[in-house]
Amino acid sequence: MRRSIYKRSIGGVLLSAIVPILFTLAVMGMVVHGLRETEAASRTEALRILEDSIRNAVVTCYAIEGRYPDTIAYVEENFNIHIDWDRFIVHYSIFASNVMPDIMVIER
């Protein structure tokens, strides 16, 4: 009967199987974490872009018409601003037609 010189203990076999699995799980965990971070950054950027777009449209309206818009609906209709009302809440509060309105965008 021949004996193999490549004998492996059960612990060595288990270790050689567990290490690649743990490595794969660690890599998958890092990928999932990265995707979540990217999604959060994307949401924050979408809020900032929408708020900046509304502010620019309001200032443009003031420059063209000499007054700030009375409602956010006026901004949407006349200045090509699209607001996804299912995703965002827009607070638009105007004090007077010659005072910059308070604009705040919140994610639902």
PDB file of N, CA and C in Angstrom:
ATOM      1  N   MET A   1       0.827  -1.178   0.000  1.00  0.00           N
ATOM      2  CA  MET A   1       0.000   0.000   0.000  1.00  0.00           C
ATOM      3  C   MET A   1       0.878   1.249   0.000  1.00  0.00           C
ATOM      4  N   ARG A   2       0.562   2.153  -0.872  1.00  0.00           N
ATOM      5  CA  ARG A   2       1.342   3.375  -1.026  1.00  0.00           C
ATOM      6  C   ARG A   2       0.779   4.491  -0.181  1.00  0.00           C
ATOM      7  N   ARG A   3       1.636   5.242   0.396  1.00  0.00           N
ATOM      8  CA  ARG A   3       1.194   6.388   1.179  1.00  0.00           C
ATOM      9  C   ARG A   3       1.521   7.666   0.425  1.00  0.00           C
ATOM     10  N   SER A   4       0.577   8.576   0.465  1.00  0.00           N
ATOM     11  CA  SER A   4       0.776   9.840  -0.223  1.00  0.00           C
ATOM     12  C   SER A   4       1.605  10.783   0.641  1.00  0.00           C
ATOM     13  N   ILE A   5       2.478  11.486  -0.001  1.00  0.00           N
ATOM     14  CA  ILE A   5       3.270  12.464   0.746  1.00  0.00           C
ATOM     15  C   ILE A   5       2.499  13.781   0.917  1.00  0.00           C
ATOM     16  N   TYR A   6       1.337  13.869   0.266  1.00  0.00           N
ATOM     17  CA  TYR A   6       0.531  15.077   0.328  1.00  0.00           C
ATOM     18  C   TYR A   6      -0.644  14.928   1.286  1.00  0.00           C
ATOM     19  N   LYS A   7      -0.447  14.226   2.365  1.00  0.00           N
ATOM     20  CA  LYS A   7      -1.526  14.051   3.335  1.00  0.00           C
ATOM     21  C   LYS A   7      -1.902  15.400   3.919  1.00  0.00           C
ATOM     22  N   ARG A   8      -3.185  15.596   4.059  1.00  0.00           N
ATOM     23  CA  ARG A   8      -3.684  16.825   4.663  1.00  0.00           C
ATOM     24  C   ARG A   8      -4.582  16.457   5.816  1.00  0.00           C
ATOM     25  N   SER A   9      -4.466  17.213   6.836  1.00  0.00           N
ATOM     26  CA  SER A   9      -5.355  16.971   7.971  1.00  0.00           C
ATOM     27  C   SER A   9      -6.717  17.581   7.658  1.00  0.00           C
ATOM     28  N   ILE A  10      -7.708  17.200   8.421  1.00  0.00           N
ATOM     29  CA  ILE A  10      -9.063  17.721   8.202  1.00  0.00           C
ATOM     30  C   ILE A  10      -9.086  19.226   8.472  1.00  0.00           C
ATOM     31  N   GLY A  11      -8.334  19.663   9.448  1.00  0.00           N
ATOM     32  CA  GLY A  11      -8.257  21.102   9.749  1.00  0.00           C
ATOM     33  C   GLY A  11      -7.683  21.886   8.574  1.00  0.00           C
ATOM     34  N   GLY A  12      -6.687  21.333   7.925  1.00  0.00           N
ATOM     35  CA  GLY A  12      -6.101  22.015   6.770  1.00  0.00           C
ATOM     36  C   GLY A  12      -7.071  22.102   5.604  1.00  0.00           C
ATOM     37  N   VAL A  13      -7.839  21.043   5.401  1.00  0.00           N
ATOM     38  CA  VAL A  13      -8.830  21.033   4.325  1.00  0.00           C
ATOM     39  C   VAL A  13      -9.922  22.060   4.602  1.00  0.00           C
ATOM     40  N   LEU A  14     -10.397  22.071   5.860  1.00  0.00           N
ATOM     41  CA  LEU A  14     -11.437  23.050   6.218  1.00  0.00           C
ATOM     42  C   LEU A  14     -10.926  24.475   6.090  1.00  0.00           C
ATOM     43  N   LEU A  15      -9.699  24.696   6.521  1.00  0.00           N
ATOM     44  CA  LEU A  15      -9.117  26.036   6.426  1.00  0.00           C
ATOM     45  C   LEU A  15      -8.985  26.476   4.977  1.00  0.00           C
ATOM     46  N   SER A  16      -8.590  25.574   4.111  1.00  0.00           N
ATOM     47  CA  SER A  16      -8.437  25.936   2.705  1.00  0.00           C
ATOM     48  C   SER A  16      -9.788  26.171   2.030  1.00  0.00           C
ATOM     49  N   ALA A  17     -10.875  25.668   2.600  1.00  0.00           N
ATOM     50  CA  ALA A  17     -12.207  25.916   2.048  1.00  0.00           C
ATOM     51  C   ALA A  17     -12.839  27.163   2.653  1.00  0.00           C
ATOM     52  N   ILE A  18     -12.550  27.429   3.914  1.00  0.00           N
ATOM     53  CA  ILE A  18     -13.187  28.557   4.603  1.00  0.00           C
ATOM     54  C   ILE A  18     -12.580  29.899   4.206  1.00  0.00           C
ATOM     55  N   VAL A  19     -11.285  29.962   4.018  1.00  0.00           N
ATOM     56  CA  VAL A  19     -10.620  31.227   3.694  1.00  0.00           C
ATOM     57  C   VAL A  19     -11.177  31.861   2.415  1.00  0.00           C
ATOM     58  N   PRO A  20     -11.315  31.133   1.307  1.00  0.00           N
ATOM     59  CA  PRO A  20     -11.888  31.760   0.112  1.00  0.00           C
ATOM     60  C   PRO A  20     -13.340  32.215   0.310  1.00  0.00           C
ATOM     61  N   ILE A  21     -14.097  31.446   1.094  1.00  0.00           N
ATOM     62  CA  ILE A  21     -15.486  31.831   1.344  1.00  0.00           C
ATOM     63  C   ILE A  21     -15.530  33.125   2.152  1.00  0.00           C
ATOM     64  N   LEU A  22     -14.717  33.217   3.181  1.00  0.00           N
ATOM     65  CA  LEU A  22     -14.676  34.449   3.992  1.00  0.00           C
ATOM     66  C   LEU A  22     -14.206  35.637   3.164  1.00  0.00           C
ATOM     67  N   PHE A  23     -13.226  35.423   2.319  1.00  0.00           N
ATOM     68  CA  PHE A  23     -12.738  36.494   1.455  1.00  0.00           C
ATOM     69  C   PHE A  23     -13.846  36.970   0.516  1.00  0.00           C
ATOM     70  N   THR A  24     -14.573  36.043  -0.079  1.00  0.00           N
ATOM     71  CA  THR A  24     -15.672  36.388  -0.986  1.00  0.00           C
ATOM     72  C   THR A  24     -16.759  37.160  -0.248  1.00  0.00           C
ATOM     73  N   LEU A  25     -17.110  36.712   0.960  1.00  0.00           N
ATOM     74  CA  LEU A  25     -18.123  37.425   1.745  1.00  0.00           C
ATOM     75  C   LEU A  25     -17.661  38.830   2.114  1.00  0.00           C
ATOM     76  N   ALA A  26     -16.383  38.981   2.440  1.00  0.00           N
ATOM     77  CA  ALA A  26     -15.849  40.305   2.770  1.00  0.00           C
ATOM     78  C   ALA A  26     -15.922  41.242   1.564  1.00  0.00           C
ATOM     79  N   VAL A  27     -15.556  40.743   0.392  1.00  0.00           N
ATOM     80  CA  VAL A  27     -15.619  41.555  -0.825  1.00  0.00           C
ATOM     81  C   VAL A  27     -17.065  41.941  -1.143  1.00  0.00           C
ATOM     82  N   MET A  28     -17.980  40.989  -0.993  1.00  0.00           N
ATOM     83  CA  MET A  28     -19.393  41.288  -1.252  1.00  0.00           C
ATOM     84  C   MET A  28     -19.920  42.332  -0.267  1.00  0.00           C
ATOM     85  N   GLY A  29     -19.508  42.238   0.985  1.00  0.00           N
ATOM     86  CA  GLY A  29     -19.907  43.227   1.983  1.00  0.00           C
ATOM     87  C   GLY A  29     -19.408  44.618   1.633  1.00  0.00           C
ATOM     88  N   MET A  30     -18.181  44.717   1.160  1.00  0.00           N
ATOM     89  CA  MET A  30     -17.633  46.017   0.761  1.00  0.00           C
ATOM     90  C   MET A  30     -18.372  46.583  -0.444  1.00  0.00           C
ATOM     91  N   VAL A  31     -18.741  45.739  -1.384  1.00  0.00           N
ATOM     92  CA  VAL A  31     -19.490  46.197  -2.564  1.00  0.00           C
ATOM     93  C   VAL A  31     -20.860  46.727  -2.158  1.00  0.00           C
ATOM     94  N   VAL A  32     -21.549  45.994  -1.290  1.00  0.00           N
ATOM     95  CA  VAL A  32     -22.876  46.436  -0.828  1.00  0.00           C
ATOM     96  C   VAL A  32     -22.762  47.756  -0.074  1.00  0.00           C
ATOM     97  N   HIS A  33     -21.767  47.889   0.774  1.00  0.00           N
ATOM     98  CA  HIS A  33     -21.556  49.137   1.508  1.00  0.00           C
ATOM     99  C   HIS A  33     -21.283  50.292   0.541  1.00  0.00           C
ATOM    100  N   GLY A  34     -20.474  50.057  -0.453  1.00  0.00           N
ATOM    101  CA  GLY A  34     -20.183  51.088  -1.443  1.00  0.00           C
ATOM    102  C   GLY A  34     -21.418  51.520  -2.216  1.00  0.00           C
ATOM    103  N   LEU A  35     -22.262  50.558  -2.565  1.00  0.00           N
ATOM    104  CA  LEU A  35     -23.499  50.897  -3.275  1.00  0.00           C
ATOM    105  C   LEU A  35     -24.435  51.734  -2.416  1.00  0.00           C
ATOM    106  N   ARG A  36     -24.519  51.404  -1.130  1.00  0.00           N
ATOM    107  CA  ARG A  36     -25.362  52.191  -0.221  1.00  0.00           C
ATOM    108  C   ARG A  36     -24.838  53.613  -0.073  1.00  0.00           C
ATOM    109  N   GLU A  37     -23.537  53.761   0.042  1.00  0.00           N
ATOM    110  CA  GLU A  37     -22.935  55.097   0.150  1.00  0.00           C
ATOM    111  C   GLU A  37     -23.183  55.909  -1.122  1.00  0.00           C
ATOM    112  N   THR A  38     -23.073  55.262  -2.262  1.00  0.00           N
ATOM    113  CA  THR A  38     -23.312  55.941  -3.539  1.00  0.00           C
ATOM    114  C   THR A  38     -24.760  56.382  -3.650  1.00  0.00           C
ATOM    115  N   GLU A  39     -25.680  55.540  -3.223  1.00  0.00           N
ATOM    116  CA  GLU A  39     -27.100  55.887  -3.263  1.00  0.00           C
ATOM    117  C   GLU A  39     -27.402  57.085  -2.362  1.00  0.00           C
ATOM    118  N   ALA A  40     -26.819  57.106  -1.174  1.00  0.00           N
ATOM    119  CA  ALA A  40     -27.032  58.226  -0.250  1.00  0.00           C
ATOM    120  C   ALA A  40     -26.466  59.521  -0.834  1.00  0.00           C
ATOM    121  N   ALA A  41     -25.310  59.447  -1.445  1.00  0.00           N
ATOM    122  CA  ALA A  41     -24.716  60.632  -2.061  1.00  0.00           C
ATOM    123  C   ALA A  41     -25.557  61.109  -3.240  1.00  0.00           C
ATOM    124  N   SER A  42     -26.123  60.173  -3.987  1.00  0.00           N
ATOM    125  CA  SER A  42     -26.977  60.520  -5.119  1.00  0.00           C
ATOM    126  C   SER A  42     -28.241  61.239  -4.658  1.00  0.00           C
ATOM    127  N   ARG A  43     -28.834  60.768  -3.566  1.00  0.00           N
ATOM    128  CA  ARG A  43     -30.024  61.433  -3.025  1.00  0.00           C
ATOM    129  C   ARG A  43     -29.710  62.863  -2.593  1.00  0.00           C
ATOM    130  N   THR A  44     -28.616  63.030  -1.880  1.00  0.00           N
ATOM    131  CA  THR A  44     -28.220  64.355  -1.421  1.00  0.00           C
ATOM    132  C   THR A  44     -27.975  65.286  -2.607  1.00  0.00           C
ATOM    133  N   GLU A  45     -27.335  64.777  -3.615  1.00  0.00           N
ATOM    134  CA  GLU A  45     -27.047  65.585  -4.810  1.00  0.00           C
ATOM    135  C   GLU A  45     -28.333  65.945  -5.541  1.00  0.00           C
ATOM    136  N   ALA A  46     -29.295  65.030  -5.615  1.00  0.00           N
ATOM    137  CA  ALA A  46     -30.574  65.321  -6.270  1.00  0.00           C
ATOM    138  C   ALA A  46     -31.323  66.434  -5.541  1.00  0.00           C
ATOM    139  N   LEU A  47     -31.292  66.411  -4.217  1.00  0.00           N
ATOM    140  CA  LEU A  47     -31.922  67.482  -3.439  1.00  0.00           C
ATOM    141  C   LEU A  47     -31.264  68.827  -3.728  1.00  0.00           C
ATOM    142  N   ARG A  48     -29.939  68.840  -3.728  1.00  0.00           N
ATOM    143  CA  ARG A  48     -29.202  70.083  -3.965  1.00  0.00           C
ATOM    144  C   ARG A  48     -29.465  70.628  -5.365  1.00  0.00           C
ATOM    145  N   ILE A  49     -29.473  69.740  -6.349  1.00  0.00           N
ATOM    146  CA  ILE A  49     -29.698  70.170  -7.731  1.00  0.00           C
ATOM    147  C   ILE A  49     -31.092  70.751  -7.904  1.00  0.00           C
ATOM    148  N   LEU A  50     -32.109  70.099  -7.332  1.00  0.00           N
ATOM    149  CA  LEU A  50     -33.474  70.603  -7.450  1.00  0.00           C
ATOM    150  C   LEU A  50     -33.618  71.962  -6.772  1.00  0.00           C
ATOM    151  N   GLU A  51     -33.067  72.088  -5.565  1.00  0.00           N
ATOM    152  CA  GLU A  51     -33.169  73.364  -4.863  1.00  0.00           C
ATOM    153  C   GLU A  51     -32.437  74.471  -5.621  1.00  0.00           C
ATOM    154  N   ASP A  52     -31.260  74.182  -6.149  1.00  0.00           N
ATOM    155  CA  ASP A  52     -30.526  75.174  -6.935  1.00  0.00           C
ATOM    156  C   ASP A  52     -31.282  75.551  -8.207  1.00  0.00           C
ATOM    157  N   SER A  53     -31.910  74.578  -8.851  1.00  0.00           N
ATOM    158  CA  SER A  53     -32.680  74.855 -10.068  1.00  0.00           C
ATOM    159  C   SER A  53     -33.867  75.761  -9.775  1.00  0.00           C
ATOM    160  N   ILE A  54     -34.545  75.489  -8.674  1.00  0.00           N
ATOM    161  CA  ILE A  54     -35.684  76.333  -8.304  1.00  0.00           C
ATOM    162  C   ILE A  54     -35.211  77.744  -7.986  1.00  0.00           C
ATOM    163  N   ARG A  55     -34.121  77.876  -7.232  1.00  0.00           N
ATOM    164  CA  ARG A  55     -33.589  79.210  -6.913  1.00  0.00           C
ATOM    165  C   ARG A  55     -33.198  79.973  -8.178  1.00  0.00           C
ATOM    166  N   ASN A  56     -32.527  79.295  -9.102  1.00  0.00           N
ATOM    167  CA  ASN A  56     -32.138  79.962 -10.353  1.00  0.00           C
ATOM    168  C   ASN A  56     -33.359  80.412 -11.148  1.00  0.00           C
ATOM    169  N   ALA A  57     -34.392  79.585 -11.186  1.00  0.00           N
ATOM    170  CA  ALA A  57     -35.609  79.954 -11.909  1.00  0.00           C
ATOM    171  C   ALA A  57     -36.304  81.139 -11.243  1.00  0.00           C
ATOM    172  N   VAL A  58     -36.320  81.163  -9.922  1.00  0.00           N
ATOM    173  CA  VAL A  58     -36.950  82.259  -9.182  1.00  0.00           C
ATOM    174  C   VAL A  58     -36.190  83.565  -9.426  1.00  0.00           C
ATOM    175  N   VAL A  59     -34.877  83.499  -9.395  1.00  0.00           N
ATOM    176  CA  VAL A  59     -34.067  84.701  -9.646  1.00  0.00           C
ATOM    177  C   VAL A  59     -34.232  85.157 -11.098  1.00  0.00           C
ATOM    178  N   THR A  60     -34.301  84.220 -12.026  1.00  0.00           N
ATOM    179  CA  THR A  60     -34.535  84.567 -13.433  1.00  0.00           C
ATOM    180  C   THR A  60     -35.886  85.244 -13.602  1.00  0.00           C
ATOM    181  N   CYS A  61     -36.890  84.730 -12.916  1.00  0.00           N
ATOM    182  CA  CYS A  61     -38.219  85.341 -12.969  1.00  0.00           C
ATOM    183  C   CYS A  61     -38.158  86.781 -12.454  1.00  0.00           C
ATOM    184  N   TYR A  62     -37.438  86.991 -11.369  1.00  0.00           N
ATOM    185  CA  TYR A  62     -37.310  88.347 -10.817  1.00  0.00           C
ATOM    186  C   TYR A  62     -36.594  89.267 -11.801  1.00  0.00           C
ATOM    187  N   ALA A  63     -35.570  88.736 -12.470  1.00  0.00           N
ATOM    188  CA  ALA A  63     -34.823  89.553 -13.430  1.00  0.00           C
ATOM    189  C   ALA A  63     -35.675  89.912 -14.642  1.00  0.00           C
ATOM    190  N   ILE A  64     -36.514  88.984 -15.088  1.00  0.00           N
ATOM    191  CA  ILE A  64     -37.329  89.213 -16.282  1.00  0.00           C
ATOM    192  C   ILE A  64     -38.583  90.017 -15.975  1.00  0.00           C
ATOM    193  N   GLU A  65     -39.295  89.611 -14.912  1.00  0.00           N
ATOM    194  CA  GLU A  65     -40.611  90.182 -14.632  1.00  0.00           C
ATOM    195  C   GLU A  65     -40.599  91.263 -13.556  1.00  0.00           C
ATOM    196  N   GLY A  66     -39.496  91.383 -12.805  1.00  0.00           N
ATOM    197  CA  GLY A  66     -39.419  92.399 -11.763  1.00  0.00           C
ATOM    198  C   GLY A  66     -40.100  92.000 -10.468  1.00  0.00           C
ATOM    199  N   ARG A  67     -40.452  90.754 -10.340  1.00  0.00           N
ATOM    200  CA  ARG A  67     -41.081  90.247  -9.101  1.00  0.00           C
ATOM    201  C   ARG A  67     -40.777  88.765  -8.984  1.00  0.00           C
ATOM    202  N   TYR A  68     -40.833  88.293  -7.748  1.00  0.00           N
ATOM    203  CA  TYR A  68     -40.653  86.864  -7.526  1.00  0.00           C
ATOM    204  C   TYR A  68     -41.979  86.152  -7.761  1.00  0.00           C
ATOM    205  N   PRO A  69     -41.958  84.908  -8.223  1.00  0.00           N
ATOM    206  CA  PRO A  69     -43.209  84.180  -8.486  1.00  0.00           C
ATOM    207  C   PRO A  69     -44.027  83.985  -7.204  1.00  0.00           C
ATOM    208  N   ASP A  70     -45.343  84.025  -7.363  1.00  0.00           N
ATOM    209  CA  ASP A  70     -46.232  83.855  -6.209  1.00  0.00           C
ATOM    210  C   ASP A  70     -46.265  82.411  -5.716  1.00  0.00           C
ATOM    211  N   THR A  71     -46.187  81.456  -6.632  1.00  0.00           N
ATOM    212  CA  THR A  71     -46.290  80.045  -6.259  1.00  0.00           C
ATOM    213  C   THR A  71     -45.222  79.226  -6.972  1.00  0.00           C
ATOM    214  N   ILE A  72     -44.984  78.052  -6.430  1.00  0.00           N
ATOM    215  CA  ILE A  72     -44.038  77.135  -7.068  1.00  0.00           C
ATOM    216  C   ILE A  72     -44.625  76.584  -8.366  1.00  0.00           C
ATOM    217  N   ALA A  73     -45.944  76.529  -8.454  1.00  0.00           N
ATOM    218  CA  ALA A  73     -46.598  76.061  -9.679  1.00  0.00           C
ATOM    219  C   ALA A  73     -46.277  77.001 -10.841  1.00  0.00           C
ATOM    220  N   TYR A  74     -46.204  78.295 -10.562  1.00  0.00           N
ATOM    221  CA  TYR A  74     -45.847  79.274 -11.599  1.00  0.00           C
ATOM    222  C   TYR A  74     -44.435  79.005 -12.103  1.00  0.00           C
ATOM    223  N   VAL A  75     -43.536  78.669 -11.200  1.00  0.00           N
ATOM    224  CA  VAL A  75     -42.148  78.359 -11.583  1.00  0.00           C
ATOM    225  C   VAL A  75     -42.122  77.104 -12.460  1.00  0.00           C
ATOM    226  N   GLU A  76     -42.870  76.089 -12.073  1.00  0.00           N
ATOM    227  CA  GLU A  76     -42.922  74.849 -12.854  1.00  0.00           C
ATOM    228  C   GLU A  76     -43.449  75.091 -14.264  1.00  0.00           C
ATOM    229  N   GLU A  77     -44.515  75.855 -14.366  1.00  0.00           N
ATOM    230  CA  GLU A  77     -45.160  76.082 -15.661  1.00  0.00           C
ATOM    231  C   GLU A  77     -44.329  76.937 -16.602  1.00  0.00           C
ATOM    232  N   ASN A  78     -43.690  77.972 -16.082  1.00  0.00           N
ATOM    233  CA  ASN A  78     -43.048  78.967 -16.940  1.00  0.00           C
ATOM    234  C   ASN A  78     -41.542  78.862 -17.066  1.00  0.00           C
ATOM    235  N   PHE A  79     -40.902  78.060 -16.233  1.00  0.00           N
ATOM    236  CA  PHE A  79     -39.440  78.017 -16.257  1.00  0.00           C
ATOM    237  C   PHE A  79     -38.870  76.605 -16.381  1.00  0.00           C
ATOM    238  N   ASN A  80     -39.653  75.684 -16.914  1.00  0.00           N
ATOM    239  CA  ASN A  80     -39.209  74.315 -17.205  1.00  0.00           C
ATOM    240  C   ASN A  80     -38.548  73.624 -16.012  1.00  0.00           C
ATOM    241  N   ILE A  81     -39.140  73.757 -14.870  1.00  0.00           N
ATOM    242  CA  ILE A  81     -38.674  73.042 -13.685  1.00  0.00           C
ATOM    243  C   ILE A  81     -39.620  71.872 -13.470  1.00  0.00           C
ATOM    244  N   HIS A  82     -39.060  70.669 -13.405  1.00  0.00           N
ATOM    245  CA  HIS A  82     -39.870  69.474 -13.139  1.00  0.00           C
ATOM    246  C   HIS A  82     -39.591  69.007 -11.716  1.00  0.00           C
ATOM    247  N   ILE A  83     -40.641  68.934 -10.908  1.00  0.00           N
ATOM    248  CA  ILE A  83     -40.516  68.484  -9.525  1.00  0.00           C
ATOM    249  C   ILE A  83     -41.241  67.149  -9.400  1.00  0.00           C
ATOM    250  N   ASP A  84     -40.537  66.145  -8.938  1.00  0.00           N
ATOM    251  CA  ASP A  84     -41.131  64.839  -8.693  1.00  0.00           C
ATOM    252  C   ASP A  84     -41.806  64.896  -7.324  1.00  0.00           C
ATOM    253  N   TRP A  85     -43.100  65.211  -7.328  1.00  0.00           N
ATOM    254  CA  TRP A  85     -43.838  65.414  -6.080  1.00  0.00           C
ATOM    255  C   TRP A  85     -43.980  64.125  -5.274  1.00  0.00           C
ATOM    256  N   ASP A  86     -43.813  62.983  -5.906  1.00  0.00           N
ATOM    257  CA  ASP A  86     -43.852  61.720  -5.165  1.00  0.00           C
ATOM    258  C   ASP A  86     -42.571  61.503  -4.368  1.00  0.00           C
ATOM    259  N   ARG A  87     -41.504  62.158  -4.774  1.00  0.00           N
ATOM    260  CA  ARG A  87     -40.201  61.962  -4.135  1.00  0.00           C
ATOM    261  C   ARG A  87     -39.787  63.131  -3.246  1.00  0.00           C
ATOM    262  N   PHE A  88     -40.234  64.354  -3.591  1.00  0.00           N
ATOM    263  CA  PHE A  88     -39.784  65.539  -2.874  1.00  0.00           C
ATOM    264  C   PHE A  88     -40.948  66.359  -2.340  1.00  0.00           C
ATOM    265  N   ILE A  89     -40.693  67.072  -1.255  1.00  0.00           N
ATOM    266  CA  ILE A  89     -41.594  68.087  -0.724  1.00  0.00           C
ATOM    267  C   ILE A  89     -40.870  69.414  -0.905  1.00  0.00           C
ATOM    268  N   VAL A  90     -41.546  70.387  -1.510  1.00  0.00           N
ATOM    269  CA  VAL A  90     -40.938  71.694  -1.725  1.00  0.00           C
ATOM    270  C   VAL A  90     -41.678  72.711  -0.883  1.00  0.00           C
ATOM    271  N   HIS A  91     -40.933  73.362   0.012  1.00  0.00           N
ATOM    272  CA  HIS A  91     -41.491  74.441   0.826  1.00  0.00           C
ATOM    273  C   HIS A  91     -41.132  75.748   0.118  1.00  0.00           C
ATOM    274  N   TYR A  92     -42.158  76.483  -0.286  1.00  0.00           N
ATOM    275  CA  TYR A  92     -41.956  77.739  -1.007  1.00  0.00           C
ATOM    276  C   TYR A  92     -42.812  78.788  -0.302  1.00  0.00           C
ATOM    277  N   SER A  93     -42.157  79.687   0.406  1.00  0.00           N
ATOM    278  CA  SER A  93     -42.874  80.695   1.180  1.00  0.00           C
ATOM    279  C   SER A  93     -42.419  82.078   0.738  1.00  0.00           C
ATOM    280  N   ILE A  94     -43.377  82.866   0.259  1.00  0.00           N
ATOM    281  CA  ILE A  94     -43.056  84.203  -0.218  1.00  0.00           C
ATOM    282  C   ILE A  94     -43.667  85.232   0.721  1.00  0.00           C
ATOM    283  N   PHE A  95     -42.890  86.242   1.070  1.00  0.00           N
ATOM    284  CA  PHE A  95     -43.351  87.300   1.963  1.00  0.00           C
ATOM    285  C   PHE A  95     -43.890  88.478   1.157  1.00  0.00           C
ATOM    286  N   ALA A  96     -43.127  88.893   0.155  1.00  0.00           N
ATOM    287  CA  ALA A  96     -43.539  89.994  -0.718  1.00  0.00           C
ATOM    288  C   ALA A  96     -42.944  89.747  -2.090  1.00  0.00           C
ATOM    289  N   SER A  97     -43.488  90.436  -3.083  1.00  0.00           N
ATOM    290  CA  SER A  97     -43.045  90.171  -4.457  1.00  0.00           C
ATOM    291  C   SER A  97     -41.624  90.662  -4.732  1.00  0.00           C
ATOM    292  N   ASN A  98     -41.072  91.494  -3.840  1.00  0.00           N
ATOM    293  CA  ASN A  98     -39.708  91.993  -4.046  1.00  0.00           C
ATOM    294  C   ASN A  98     -38.712  91.429  -3.031  1.00  0.00           C
ATOM    295  N   VAL A  99     -39.128  90.416  -2.254  1.00  0.00           N
ATOM    296  CA  VAL A  99     -38.252  89.772  -1.275  1.00  0.00           C
ATOM    297  C   VAL A  99     -38.073  88.313  -1.690  1.00  0.00           C
ATOM    298  N   MET A 100     -36.822  87.875  -1.701  1.00  0.00           N
ATOM    299  CA  MET A 100     -36.515  86.493  -2.098  1.00  0.00           C
ATOM    300  C   MET A 100     -37.309  85.507  -1.231  1.00  0.00           C
ATOM    301  N   PRO A 101     -38.039  84.588  -1.864  1.00  0.00           N
ATOM    302  CA  PRO A 101     -38.823  83.622  -1.095  1.00  0.00           C
ATOM    303  C   PRO A 101     -37.928  82.594  -0.385  1.00  0.00           C
ATOM    304  N   ASP A 102     -38.495  81.999   0.654  1.00  0.00           N
ATOM    305  CA  ASP A 102     -37.824  80.926   1.364  1.00  0.00           C
ATOM    306  C   ASP A 102     -38.101  79.624   0.619  1.00  0.00           C
ATOM    307  N   ILE A 103     -37.030  78.949   0.178  1.00  0.00           N
ATOM    308  CA  ILE A 103     -37.167  77.718  -0.601  1.00  0.00           C
ATOM    309  C   ILE A 103     -36.427  76.604   0.129  1.00  0.00           C
ATOM    310  N   MET A 104     -37.127  75.490   0.359  1.00  0.00           N
ATOM    311  CA  MET A 104     -36.515  74.334   0.999  1.00  0.00           C
ATOM    312  C   MET A 104     -37.052  73.068   0.332  1.00  0.00           C
ATOM    313  N   VAL A 105     -36.171  72.157  -0.020  1.00  0.00           N
ATOM    314  CA  VAL A 105     -36.547  70.884  -0.637  1.00  0.00           C
ATOM    315  C   VAL A 105     -36.213  69.763   0.341  1.00  0.00           C
ATOM    316  N   ILE A 106     -37.194  68.898   0.585  1.00  0.00           N
ATOM    317  CA  ILE A 106     -37.042  67.776   1.515  1.00  0.00           C
ATOM    318  C   ILE A 106     -37.426  66.502   0.784  1.00  0.00           C
ATOM    319  N   GLU A 107     -36.699  65.438   1.060  1.00  0.00           N
ATOM    320  CA  GLU A 107     -37.052  64.143   0.472  1.00  0.00           C
ATOM    321  C   GLU A 107     -38.140  63.489   1.311  1.00  0.00           C
ATOM    322  N   ARG A 108     -39.128  62.902   0.632  1.00  0.00           N
ATOM    323  CA  ARG A 108     -40.208  62.212   1.363  1.00  0.00           C
ATOM    324  C   ARG A 108     -39.696  60.981   2.039  1.00  0.00           C
TER     325      ARG A 108
END
